[in-house]
Protein backbone atom coordinates (compact mmCIF):
# COMPACT_ATOMS: atom_id res chain seq x y z
CA MET A 1 0.00 0.00 0.00
CA SER A 2 1.39 3.42 -0.95
CA PRO A 3 1.74 6.06 1.78
CA LYS A 4 -1.19 8.43 2.30
CA GLU A 5 -0.39 11.89 0.95
CA ILE A 6 -1.00 14.68 3.46
CA LYS A 7 -1.37 18.07 1.84
CA ILE A 8 -0.27 21.07 3.88
CA GLY A 9 -0.65 24.74 3.03
CA ILE A 10 1.31 27.46 4.83
CA ILE A 11 -0.41 30.86 4.61
CA GLY A 12 1.94 33.75 5.26
CA ALA A 13 5.16 31.75 4.96
CA GLY A 14 7.66 34.12 6.48
CA SER A 15 10.36 32.96 8.90
CA ILE A 16 8.50 30.41 11.03
CA GLY A 17 6.10 29.31 8.28
CA THR A 18 8.96 28.68 5.87
CA LEU A 19 10.90 26.79 8.54
CA PHE A 20 7.99 24.46 9.33
CA GLY A 21 7.03 24.08 5.67
CA GLY A 22 10.57 23.17 4.72
CA TYR A 23 10.95 20.51 7.39
CA LEU A 24 7.49 19.09 6.67
CA ALA A 25 8.48 18.61 3.02
CA THR A 26 11.42 16.40 4.02
CA ILE A 27 9.37 13.69 5.76
CA LYS A 28 10.15 10.11 4.83
CA SER A 29 7.56 7.76 6.30
CA LYS A 30 5.98 4.44 5.36
CA ARG A 31 2.63 5.72 6.64
CA PHE A 32 2.39 9.01 4.79
CA SER A 33 4.04 11.44 2.43
CA THR A 34 3.65 15.21 2.39
CA ARG A 35 3.10 17.87 -0.21
CA VAL A 36 3.69 21.41 1.05
CA ILE A 37 2.50 24.62 -0.57
CA LEU A 38 3.94 27.88 0.74
CA PHE A 39 1.81 30.98 0.17
CA THR A 40 4.29 33.82 0.36
CA ARG A 41 5.84 36.93 -1.22
CA LYS A 42 6.78 36.93 -4.89
CA ASN A 43 10.56 37.20 -4.39
CA HIS A 44 10.46 34.29 -1.93
CA VAL A 45 8.31 32.30 -4.39
CA ASN A 46 10.76 32.84 -7.25
CA ALA A 47 13.82 31.90 -5.17
CA ILE A 48 12.27 28.68 -3.84
CA ASN A 49 10.83 27.50 -7.15
CA GLU A 50 14.07 28.24 -9.03
CA ASN A 51 16.67 26.98 -6.56
CA GLY A 52 14.82 25.10 -3.82
CA LEU A 53 14.45 26.12 -0.18
CA ILE A 54 17.59 26.31 1.96
CA ILE A 55 17.45 25.81 5.74
CA GLU A 56 20.56 26.69 7.74
CA LYS A 57 20.65 24.49 10.82
CA GLY A 58 23.74 25.19 12.92
CA THR A 59 26.69 24.40 10.70
CA SER A 60 24.65 22.24 8.31
CA ILE A 61 22.75 23.27 5.19
CA LEU A 62 19.54 21.53 4.13
CA LYS A 63 18.42 22.08 0.53
CA ILE A 64 14.83 21.11 -0.21
CA LYS A 65 13.54 20.74 -3.75
CA GLU A 66 11.02 17.92 -3.53
CA ASN A 67 7.45 17.91 -2.18
CA ILE A 68 7.43 21.70 -1.84
CA GLU A 69 6.11 24.53 -3.98
CA ALA A 70 5.76 28.25 -3.36
CA VAL A 71 2.98 30.39 -4.82
CA ASP A 72 1.96 34.03 -4.57
CA THR A 73 -1.76 33.22 -4.40
CA TYR A 74 -3.93 30.10 -4.27
CA GLU A 75 -5.24 31.06 -7.72
CA ASP A 76 -1.83 29.98 -9.06
CA LEU A 77 -2.77 26.39 -8.14
CA ASN A 78 -4.82 24.01 -10.23
CA GLU A 79 -8.34 23.39 -8.92
CA LYS A 80 -7.44 19.83 -7.88
CA GLU A 81 -4.58 21.13 -5.74
CA ARG A 82 -6.69 23.48 -3.63
CA ASP A 83 -7.93 20.92 -1.08
CA PHE A 84 -5.71 20.68 2.02
CA ASP A 85 -5.63 18.43 5.05
CA PHE A 86 -4.03 21.15 7.18
CA ILE A 87 -3.70 24.87 6.55
CA PHE A 88 -1.10 26.52 8.78
CA LEU A 89 -1.80 30.19 9.49
CA THR A 90 1.62 31.77 10.09
CA THR A 91 0.95 35.37 9.14
CA LYS A 92 1.63 38.12 11.63
CA ALA A 93 -1.25 38.25 14.11
CA HIS A 94 -2.42 41.64 12.82
CA ASP A 95 -2.93 40.09 9.36
CA ILE A 96 -5.34 37.35 10.46
CA SER A 97 -8.54 39.00 9.20
CA ARG A 98 -7.00 39.89 5.84
CA ALA A 99 -5.60 36.37 5.37
CA MET A 100 -8.89 34.70 6.32
CA ALA A 101 -10.71 36.78 3.71
CA GLN A 102 -8.05 36.38 1.01
CA TYR A 103 -7.80 32.60 1.40
CA LYS A 104 -11.45 31.95 2.27
CA LYS A 105 -11.97 29.31 -0.45
CA ILE A 106 -9.15 27.01 0.62
CA ILE A 107 -9.81 27.58 4.33
CA ASP A 108 -13.47 26.61 3.83
CA SER A 109 -12.46 23.41 2.03
CA CYS A 110 -9.55 22.33 4.25
CA ASP A 111 -9.94 19.86 7.11
CA TYR A 112 -8.16 21.88 9.81
CA VAL A 113 -6.65 25.34 10.32
CA VAL A 114 -3.52 25.38 12.50
CA ILE A 115 -2.80 28.78 14.07
CA LEU A 116 0.95 29.04 14.63
CA GLN A 117 1.49 32.64 15.69
CA ASN A 118 2.54 34.84 18.57
CA GLY A 119 -0.14 36.48 20.67
CA ILE A 120 -3.30 35.79 22.63
CA GLY A 121 -6.86 36.04 21.35
CA ASN A 122 -5.89 34.99 17.79
CA GLU A 123 -8.31 32.05 17.70
CA GLU A 124 -11.25 34.36 18.42
CA ILE A 125 -10.52 36.30 15.22
CA VAL A 126 -10.09 33.12 13.16
CA ALA A 127 -13.39 31.78 14.52
CA ARG A 128 -15.27 34.73 13.04
CA SER A 129 -14.82 33.24 9.57
CA CYS A 130 -14.05 29.56 10.23
CA GLU A 131 -15.93 26.70 11.90
CA LYS A 132 -14.63 26.42 15.45
CA HIS A 133 -14.22 22.64 15.35
CA LYS A 134 -11.67 23.04 12.53
CA ILE A 135 -9.32 25.25 14.55
CA ILE A 136 -6.11 23.90 16.10
CA ARG A 137 -3.86 26.23 18.09
CA GLY A 138 -0.10 25.82 18.24
CA VAL A 139 2.73 27.54 20.05
CA THR A 140 6.40 26.96 19.36
CA SER A 141 9.69 27.91 20.96
CA ASN A 142 11.58 27.31 17.73
CA GLY A 143 13.18 30.43 16.31
CA ALA A 144 13.70 31.35 12.68
CA LEU A 145 15.17 34.17 10.62
CA LEU A 146 14.40 34.67 6.94
CA ASN A 147 17.47 36.66 5.95
CA THR A 148 17.20 36.36 2.17
CA PRO A 149 14.52 35.02 -0.20
CA GLY A 150 14.68 31.23 -0.38
CA ARG A 151 16.86 30.83 2.72
CA VAL A 152 15.78 30.53 6.36
CA ILE A 153 17.99 30.14 9.43
CA HIS A 154 16.84 27.85 12.27
CA THR A 155 18.04 30.15 15.05
CA GLY A 156 16.61 28.40 18.09
CA PHE A 157 15.56 24.80 18.73
CA GLY A 158 12.52 24.17 20.89
CA ILE A 159 9.24 22.34 21.29
CA THR A 160 5.88 22.86 19.61
CA LYS A 161 2.66 22.35 21.56
CA ILE A 162 -0.72 21.84 19.90
CA GLY A 163 -4.27 21.65 21.19
CA ILE A 164 -7.93 22.43 20.57
CA PRO A 165 -9.01 25.93 21.68
CA PHE A 166 -12.75 25.28 21.16
CA GLN A 167 -13.89 21.90 22.49
CA ASP A 168 -16.88 20.33 20.72
CA LYS A 169 -18.15 17.20 22.48
CA GLY A 170 -19.79 15.90 19.33
CA LEU A 171 -16.50 16.06 17.44
CA GLU A 172 -14.00 15.18 20.17
CA ASN A 173 -12.90 11.87 18.62
CA LYS A 174 -12.39 13.39 15.18
CA GLN A 175 -10.49 16.33 16.63
CA LEU A 176 -8.28 13.98 18.67
CA GLU A 177 -7.53 11.92 15.56
CA ALA A 178 -6.50 15.09 13.72
CA LEU A 179 -4.31 16.21 16.63
CA ASN A 180 -2.57 12.84 16.81
CA LEU A 181 -1.95 12.84 13.07
CA LEU A 182 -0.62 16.42 13.18
CA LYS A 183 1.67 15.54 16.08
CA GLU A 184 2.98 12.50 14.22
CA VAL A 185 3.59 14.51 11.06
CA ILE A 186 5.45 17.38 12.74
CA ASN A 187 7.52 14.97 14.84
CA ALA A 188 8.38 13.05 11.66
CA ALA A 189 9.69 16.35 10.28
CA GLY A 190 12.18 16.51 13.15
CA LEU A 191 10.35 19.20 15.14
CA GLU A 192 9.51 17.97 18.63
CA THR A 193 5.77 18.26 19.18
CA SER A 194 3.34 17.35 21.96
CA ILE A 195 -0.43 17.54 22.49
CA VAL A 196 -1.63 19.54 25.50
CA ASP A 197 -5.04 19.53 27.18
CA ASP A 198 -5.17 23.30 27.76
CA ILE A 199 -3.62 25.09 24.80
CA MET A 200 -4.87 28.48 26.01
CA LYS A 201 -2.74 28.12 29.14
CA GLU A 202 0.24 27.46 26.89
CA CYS A 203 -0.54 30.55 24.81
CA TRP A 204 -0.58 32.70 27.93
CA GLU A 205 2.61 31.13 29.26
CA LYS A 206 4.40 31.91 26.01
CA ILE A 207 3.03 35.44 25.94
CA PHE A 208 4.62 36.17 29.32
CA VAL A 209 8.02 35.50 27.72
CA ASN A 210 7.14 37.62 24.69
CA ILE A 211 5.95 40.43 26.98
CA GLY A 212 9.26 40.34 28.83
CA ILE A 213 11.51 40.25 25.78
CA ASN A 214 9.98 41.49 22.53
CA ALA A 215 9.09 45.15 23.00
CA ILE A 216 12.14 45.90 25.14
CA GLY A 217 14.42 44.20 22.63
CA ALA A 218 12.79 46.12 19.77
CA LEU A 219 13.11 49.46 21.55
CA THR A 220 16.75 48.97 22.56
CA ARG A 221 17.81 47.06 19.39
CA LEU A 222 19.40 44.45 21.68
CA ARG A 223 19.53 40.71 21.08
CA ASN A 224 17.83 38.54 23.68
CA GLY A 225 20.93 37.78 25.71
CA GLU A 226 22.07 41.39 25.72
CA LEU A 227 18.92 42.41 27.60
CA LEU A 228 20.18 40.47 30.62
CA GLU A 229 23.40 42.49 30.75
CA HIS A 230 21.50 45.56 31.98
CA GLU A 231 19.95 45.39 35.45
CA GLY A 232 17.51 48.18 34.67
CA LEU A 233 16.17 46.33 31.65
CA LYS A 234 15.75 43.15 33.69
CA ILE A 235 13.66 45.13 36.18
CA LEU A 236 11.56 46.48 33.30
CA MET A 237 11.09 42.97 31.89
CA ALA A 238 9.97 41.71 35.31
CA GLY A 239 7.53 44.60 35.77
CA ALA A 240 5.85 44.02 32.41
CA ILE A 241 5.44 40.29 33.15
CA GLU A 242 4.07 40.92 36.65
CA GLU A 243 1.41 43.23 35.22
CA ALA A 244 0.43 40.53 32.71
CA LEU A 245 0.24 37.92 35.48
CA MET A 246 -2.12 40.21 37.39
CA ILE A 247 -4.41 40.41 34.35
CA ALA A 248 -4.29 36.62 33.83
CA GLU A 249 -5.29 36.12 37.45
CA LYS A 250 -8.22 38.53 37.10
CA LYS A 251 -9.31 36.68 33.94
CA LYS A 252 -9.08 33.37 35.84
CA ILE A 253 -6.55 31.85 33.43
CA LYS A 254 -5.28 28.54 34.82
CA LEU A 255 -1.50 28.77 34.97
CA SER A 256 1.29 26.49 36.12
CA LYS A 257 3.12 27.34 39.32
CA LYS A 258 6.17 28.77 37.59
CA ASP A 259 8.30 31.83 38.11
CA TYR A 260 7.55 33.48 34.77
CA VAL A 261 10.07 36.24 35.31
CA LYS A 262 12.86 33.70 35.79
CA LEU A 263 11.50 31.74 32.82
CA SER A 264 11.73 34.85 30.63
CA TYR A 265 15.33 35.42 31.74
CA SER A 266 16.11 31.76 31.05
CA ILE A 267 14.63 31.87 27.53
CA ALA A 268 16.53 35.09 26.80
CA GLU A 269 19.75 33.38 27.89
CA LYS A 270 19.07 30.21 25.86
CA THR A 271 18.30 32.31 22.77
CA SER A 272 20.97 34.88 23.51
CA GLN A 273 21.92 35.52 19.86
CA ASN A 274 18.32 35.86 18.66
CA MET A 275 16.88 39.09 17.37
CA ASN A 276 13.29 38.68 18.54
CA SER A 277 10.53 38.87 15.93
CA MET A 278 9.41 42.36 16.98
CA LEU A 279 12.95 43.67 16.66
CA GLN A 280 13.16 42.06 13.22
CA ASP A 281 9.92 43.79 12.22
CA ILE A 282 11.09 47.20 13.43
CA THR A 283 14.46 46.94 11.67
CA LYS A 284 12.66 45.96 8.44
CA GLY A 285 10.16 48.82 8.74
CA LYS A 286 7.21 46.45 9.22
CA LYS A 287 4.18 46.61 11.48
CA THR A 288 4.69 44.62 14.69
CA GLU A 289 2.44 42.29 16.70
CA ILE A 290 2.41 44.63 19.71
CA ASP A 291 -1.43 44.70 19.76
CA PHE A 292 -1.49 40.93 20.41
CA ILE A 293 1.26 40.98 23.06
CA ASN A 294 1.75 43.96 25.43
CA GLY A 295 -1.14 45.79 23.76
CA LYS A 296 -3.52 42.91 24.49
CA ILE A 297 -2.66 43.20 28.19
CA VAL A 298 -3.41 46.93 27.98
CA ASN A 299 -6.82 46.21 26.38
CA TYR A 300 -7.71 43.59 28.98
CA ALA A 301 -6.62 45.96 31.76
CA ARG A 302 -8.85 48.70 30.35
CA GLU A 303 -11.83 46.31 30.32
CA LEU A 304 -11.09 45.35 33.92
CA GLY A 305 -10.51 48.91 35.10
CA ILE A 306 -6.89 48.17 36.06
CA LYS A 307 -3.77 50.19 35.29
CA VAL A 308 -0.75 48.53 33.68
CA PRO A 309 1.67 51.45 33.23
CA ILE A 310 4.71 49.48 32.01
CA ASN A 311 2.83 47.62 29.28
CA THR A 312 1.00 50.81 28.34
CA THR A 313 4.27 52.69 27.94
CA LEU A 314 5.92 49.90 25.96
CA THR A 315 2.90 49.65 23.66
CA HIS A 316 2.83 53.40 22.95
CA LEU A 317 6.59 53.48 22.30
CA ILE A 318 6.43 50.59 19.84
CA LYS A 319 3.49 52.20 18.04
CA GLY A 320 5.52 55.40 17.82
CA LEU A 321 8.40 53.46 16.24
CA GLU A 322 5.98 51.84 13.81
CA LYS A 323 4.84 55.25 12.56
CA LYS A 324 8.43 56.24 11.99
CA THR A 325 9.47 53.05 10.19
CA THR A 326 6.36 51.88 8.28
């Protein structure tokens, strides 16, 4: 019996989408094969289709030419190629609504939509134009940098966690089957993946790290590890995280008993050479995801009638930088 082909589309294949898409195209399994379509910018499309996709992994170079294709729009695909098992949504969080509208036809026909983005509240936006039972949420601690078209650097190795944000009792078995298949596929691609019962808790736990690192790194232009060299910046990181923890408590988010400030410091140290994604956006003159990170804490605080001065200041400063650079 020939392996089952699993068709995967990556909408908004920038750094992390290209990284995952590239690895997923390399799978060699007796149970299944993969075909990966990257929906991305024209210069990235041309480079990949002409020369293959290159992944830099430490000192090794992986060149991928098989089972992968890049397109500028789904209309570039034949009709028979527009049905996907999994669509990964890897756009910036602020582009969710636009992407859902632009790719409505293939999202409607796919089996599952996998949100793999920074931020909290993303799934609520996706659910406005997608059946809730089709939504899978993922968070990853892998890092990636797309430095030139057709070439992505795997800058940090981590784990990916997946789960169902909207539980539907009538579809639990089907959703669990899809989760298990997705876990098996991503693991087969060499990216460690696990299923979690409460994916929203995981989203919040990751956002605490982003809140501590991203905006401060973007404002200072410092790499993650360099933030820890300045005591004042460490205090600022801690203050922003503590405000976010206060909001999570008020919203009755179930969290692990961790020291999230120490966790943020630890992640910054482990990824010391990384330019965080918000810093990358600012240096490239792009809009950031501040509204889904520190800005989301500010919005929740406003709804709750609570002040979060550090996150408010960081949000306003980043928005000021955006106006200057975009």
